[in-house]
Amino acid sequence: MYHKTIILTITTALALGACNSSEKKPADDSSATIQATLEAPAAPAGFNLEQIPVSDKPLGTFPYVQLGKGYTNYEKNPVAAGDSAYFWVGDHYEVPKGSVFYSRVKGDGTWSDEAFIAAVTDSVTALGGVKVHEGKVPDSRLTEIEQNRMRFNSGYGFIAYKPTTTYVIRRADKTIWVQATPTDDGASAGWLVLESNTVK
């Protein structure tokens, strides 16, 4: 009888200990991971020109995009016909060919990189274009555009060190690429506008 009482006491203690430890045990990590995975947003799709809506809004004259009040093109560079430029779309450069406009832009008053980009965004949107990327180009990718950057230097701004914003205006007969990047002087920016060759 004595031995039975000891065994019963030990069994009861072990059972209670197991219950207490299960109450303190954290939730199953694997189920939490699965739930987090299900709720996480899908990775953004890569750039696809065909997915950009076609615009038929009036363009005016090349380079089409208006800088807005208070901004002027500081240079009078000739348009480069039949040339290419590099437009960063998040993980690679698109390199369309066509007529290239490029210039350094200055403001009439106090300069703000954010205000300038907002003005360009408003103008591109008014023409039916879309922003396809905004962020810094990795400095490791600068060597890819070295020659082109020398040719259109002022149009590239302080690329890879300041955020670059890229836009596309897709038309039925052509595509217009726009890219703007502030410079390092805190008082200007560079921008490029390329009109792709007309589809025949």
Protein backbone atom coordinates (compact mmCIF):
# COMPACT_ATOMS: atom_id res chain seq x y z
CA MET A 1 0.00 0.00 0.00
CA TYR A 2 2.87 2.31 0.90
CA HIS A 3 4.57 1.68 -2.47
CA LYS A 4 1.34 2.28 -4.37
CA THR A 5 0.92 5.65 -2.61
CA ILE A 6 4.49 6.72 -3.60
CA ILE A 7 3.98 5.70 -7.24
CA LEU A 8 0.65 7.53 -7.39
CA THR A 9 2.24 10.66 -5.89
CA ILE A 10 5.14 10.61 -8.36
CA THR A 11 2.81 10.05 -11.33
CA THR A 12 0.60 12.94 -10.25
CA ALA A 13 3.61 15.26 -9.83
CA LEU A 14 4.94 14.38 -13.28
CA ALA A 15 1.54 14.99 -14.87
CA LEU A 16 1.21 18.40 -13.21
CA GLY A 17 4.75 19.31 -14.25
CA ALA A 18 3.99 18.43 -17.86
CA CYS A 19 0.86 20.60 -17.83
CA ASN A 20 2.76 23.57 -16.39
CA SER A 21 5.57 23.24 -18.91
CA SER A 22 3.11 23.05 -21.80
CA GLU A 23 1.46 26.26 -20.59
CA LYS A 24 4.80 28.09 -20.55
CA LYS A 25 5.97 26.71 -23.91
CA PRO A 26 5.89 29.39 -26.62
CA ALA A 27 3.68 28.98 -29.66
CA ASP A 28 4.91 26.67 -32.36
CA ASP A 29 7.44 28.65 -34.41
CA SER A 30 6.65 26.78 -37.61
CA SER A 31 2.97 27.76 -37.55
CA ALA A 32 3.90 31.41 -36.88
CA THR A 33 6.31 31.34 -39.82
CA ILE A 34 3.68 29.88 -42.13
CA GLN A 35 1.16 32.54 -41.08
CA ALA A 36 3.68 35.35 -41.62
CA THR A 37 4.52 33.96 -45.05
CA LEU A 38 0.87 33.87 -46.05
CA GLU A 39 0.36 37.47 -44.95
CA ALA A 40 3.56 38.86 -46.54
CA PRO A 41 3.01 40.81 -49.78
CA ALA A 42 4.14 39.18 -52.99
CA ALA A 43 7.49 40.27 -54.41
CA PRO A 44 7.10 43.09 -56.96
CA ALA A 45 7.08 41.97 -60.55
CA GLY A 46 9.97 43.02 -62.77
CA PHE A 47 9.67 45.94 -65.18
CA ASN A 48 7.42 45.19 -68.13
CA LEU A 49 6.78 47.97 -70.64
CA GLU A 50 3.75 46.14 -72.02
CA GLN A 51 1.96 46.50 -68.68
CA ILE A 52 2.10 50.30 -68.76
CA PRO A 53 -1.17 51.85 -70.01
CA VAL A 54 -1.07 53.56 -73.40
CA SER A 55 -1.78 57.28 -73.22
CA ASP A 56 -3.35 59.43 -75.93
CA LYS A 57 -3.16 62.74 -74.09
CA PRO A 58 -1.80 65.71 -76.07
CA LEU A 59 1.96 66.00 -75.78
CA GLY A 60 2.92 69.34 -77.24
CA THR A 61 6.51 69.67 -78.42
CA PHE A 62 9.54 67.62 -77.41
CA PRO A 63 10.69 67.16 -74.61
CA TYR A 64 6.99 67.34 -73.68
CA VAL A 65 7.45 67.32 -69.88
CA GLN A 66 7.05 70.77 -68.34
CA LEU A 67 9.25 71.56 -65.36
CA GLY A 68 6.70 73.75 -63.64
CA LYS A 69 6.85 77.30 -62.35
CA GLY A 70 10.15 78.28 -60.78
CA TYR A 71 12.35 75.77 -62.64
CA THR A 72 14.48 76.40 -65.72
CA ASN A 73 16.86 74.38 -67.85
CA TYR A 74 20.26 75.79 -67.04
CA GLU A 75 21.79 74.55 -70.30
CA LYS A 76 20.86 74.66 -73.97
CA ASN A 77 22.20 71.30 -75.06
CA PRO A 78 21.31 70.18 -78.57
CA VAL A 79 18.96 67.20 -78.83
CA ALA A 80 20.94 64.06 -79.63
CA ALA A 81 19.12 62.21 -82.41
CA GLY A 82 19.47 58.47 -82.84
CA ASP A 83 21.26 58.02 -79.54
CA SER A 84 20.69 55.97 -76.38
CA ALA A 85 20.50 56.69 -72.66
CA TYR A 86 20.27 54.52 -69.55
CA PHE A 87 17.12 54.49 -67.44
CA TRP A 88 17.17 52.66 -64.11
CA VAL A 89 13.99 50.63 -63.45
CA GLY A 90 14.85 49.05 -60.10
CA ASP A 91 17.12 46.13 -60.91
CA HIS A 92 18.54 46.94 -64.35
CA TYR A 93 18.87 49.67 -66.94
CA GLU A 94 16.56 49.97 -69.89
CA VAL A 95 18.52 51.40 -72.84
CA PRO A 96 16.09 52.77 -75.42
CA LYS A 97 17.26 54.52 -78.57
CA GLY A 98 15.89 57.73 -80.00
CA SER A 99 16.09 61.49 -79.50
CA VAL A 100 17.71 62.50 -76.21
CA PHE A 101 17.10 65.77 -74.39
CA TYR A 102 19.22 66.44 -71.31
CA SER A 103 19.95 69.37 -69.04
CA ARG A 104 20.76 70.58 -65.58
CA VAL A 105 17.80 72.25 -63.89
CA LYS A 106 17.93 75.14 -61.44
CA GLY A 107 15.23 76.82 -59.38
CA ASP A 108 14.33 80.47 -59.02
CA GLY A 109 14.08 80.33 -55.24
CA THR A 110 15.03 78.00 -52.42
CA TRP A 111 15.80 74.59 -53.85
CA SER A 112 14.12 71.39 -52.68
CA ASP A 113 14.91 68.00 -54.26
CA GLU A 114 11.54 66.69 -53.16
CA ALA A 115 9.62 69.64 -54.61
CA PHE A 116 11.42 69.32 -57.93
CA ILE A 117 10.67 65.59 -58.22
CA ALA A 118 7.04 66.30 -57.30
CA ALA A 119 6.82 68.86 -60.11
CA VAL A 120 8.22 66.39 -62.64
CA THR A 121 5.86 63.69 -61.37
CA ASP A 122 2.86 65.99 -61.79
CA SER A 123 3.88 66.86 -65.33
CA VAL A 124 4.50 63.25 -66.37
CA THR A 125 1.21 62.13 -64.81
CA ALA A 126 -0.66 64.88 -66.67
CA LEU A 127 0.67 63.38 -69.91
CA GLY A 128 -0.59 59.92 -68.96
CA GLY A 129 2.80 58.63 -67.83
CA VAL A 130 3.69 56.61 -64.75
CA LYS A 131 6.53 56.47 -62.27
CA VAL A 132 8.31 53.12 -62.64
CA HIS A 133 11.00 53.50 -59.99
CA GLU A 134 12.32 55.84 -57.33
CA GLY A 135 15.49 55.12 -55.39
CA LYS A 136 19.27 55.06 -55.57
CA VAL A 137 21.07 53.24 -58.33
CA PRO A 138 23.69 50.91 -56.79
CA ASP A 139 27.10 52.54 -57.16
CA SER A 140 28.41 49.20 -58.39
CA ARG A 141 26.31 49.71 -61.54
CA LEU A 142 27.90 53.03 -62.52
CA THR A 143 30.56 51.42 -64.70
CA GLU A 144 27.82 50.25 -67.07
CA ILE A 145 26.90 53.80 -68.00
CA GLU A 146 30.34 55.38 -67.86
CA GLN A 147 30.62 56.36 -71.54
CA ASN A 148 26.99 57.44 -71.84
CA ARG A 149 27.24 59.43 -68.63
CA MET A 150 30.20 61.35 -69.99
CA ARG A 151 28.17 62.24 -73.09
CA PHE A 152 25.05 63.34 -71.20
CA ASN A 153 26.73 64.22 -67.91
CA SER A 154 24.46 67.01 -66.70
CA GLY A 155 21.37 64.95 -67.45
CA TYR A 156 22.36 62.20 -65.04
CA GLY A 157 22.74 64.43 -61.98
CA PHE A 158 24.48 62.81 -59.02
CA ILE A 159 23.32 59.36 -60.02
CA ALA A 160 24.03 56.49 -57.58
CA TYR A 161 24.48 58.96 -54.74
CA LYS A 162 21.13 60.75 -54.92
CA PRO A 163 17.77 59.04 -55.51
CA THR A 164 16.87 58.64 -59.18
CA THR A 165 13.27 58.74 -60.35
CA THR A 166 12.30 57.09 -63.64
CA TYR A 167 9.06 57.52 -65.58
CA VAL A 168 7.55 56.15 -68.76
CA ILE A 169 4.93 57.69 -71.03
CA ARG A 170 3.80 54.93 -73.35
CA ARG A 171 2.13 55.91 -76.61
CA ALA A 172 0.69 53.84 -79.44
CA ASP A 173 3.54 54.87 -81.74
CA LYS A 174 6.43 55.59 -79.36
CA THR A 175 7.65 55.59 -75.78
CA ILE A 176 8.92 58.57 -73.82
CA TRP A 177 11.38 57.90 -71.02
CA VAL A 178 12.02 60.47 -68.29
CA GLN A 179 14.63 60.32 -65.55
CA ALA A 180 15.47 62.91 -62.90
CA THR A 181 18.28 62.91 -60.33
CA PRO A 182 19.30 65.76 -57.98
CA THR A 183 22.91 66.94 -58.06
CA ASP A 184 25.32 67.19 -55.15
CA ASP A 185 25.19 70.97 -54.80
CA GLY A 186 21.79 71.04 -53.11
CA ALA A 187 20.53 73.59 -55.63
CA SER A 188 19.92 71.74 -58.91
CA ALA A 189 19.11 68.45 -60.60
CA GLY A 190 19.81 66.63 -63.82
CA TRP A 191 17.19 65.15 -66.10
CA LEU A 192 16.92 63.16 -69.31
CA VAL A 193 14.00 62.79 -71.70
CA LEU A 194 14.24 60.23 -74.50
CA GLU A 195 11.65 59.77 -77.22
CA SER A 196 11.98 56.31 -78.68
CA ASN A 197 12.01 55.83 -82.40
CA THR A 198 8.54 55.93 -83.89
CA VAL A 199 7.04 52.52 -84.54
CA LYS A 200 6.39 52.06 -88.27
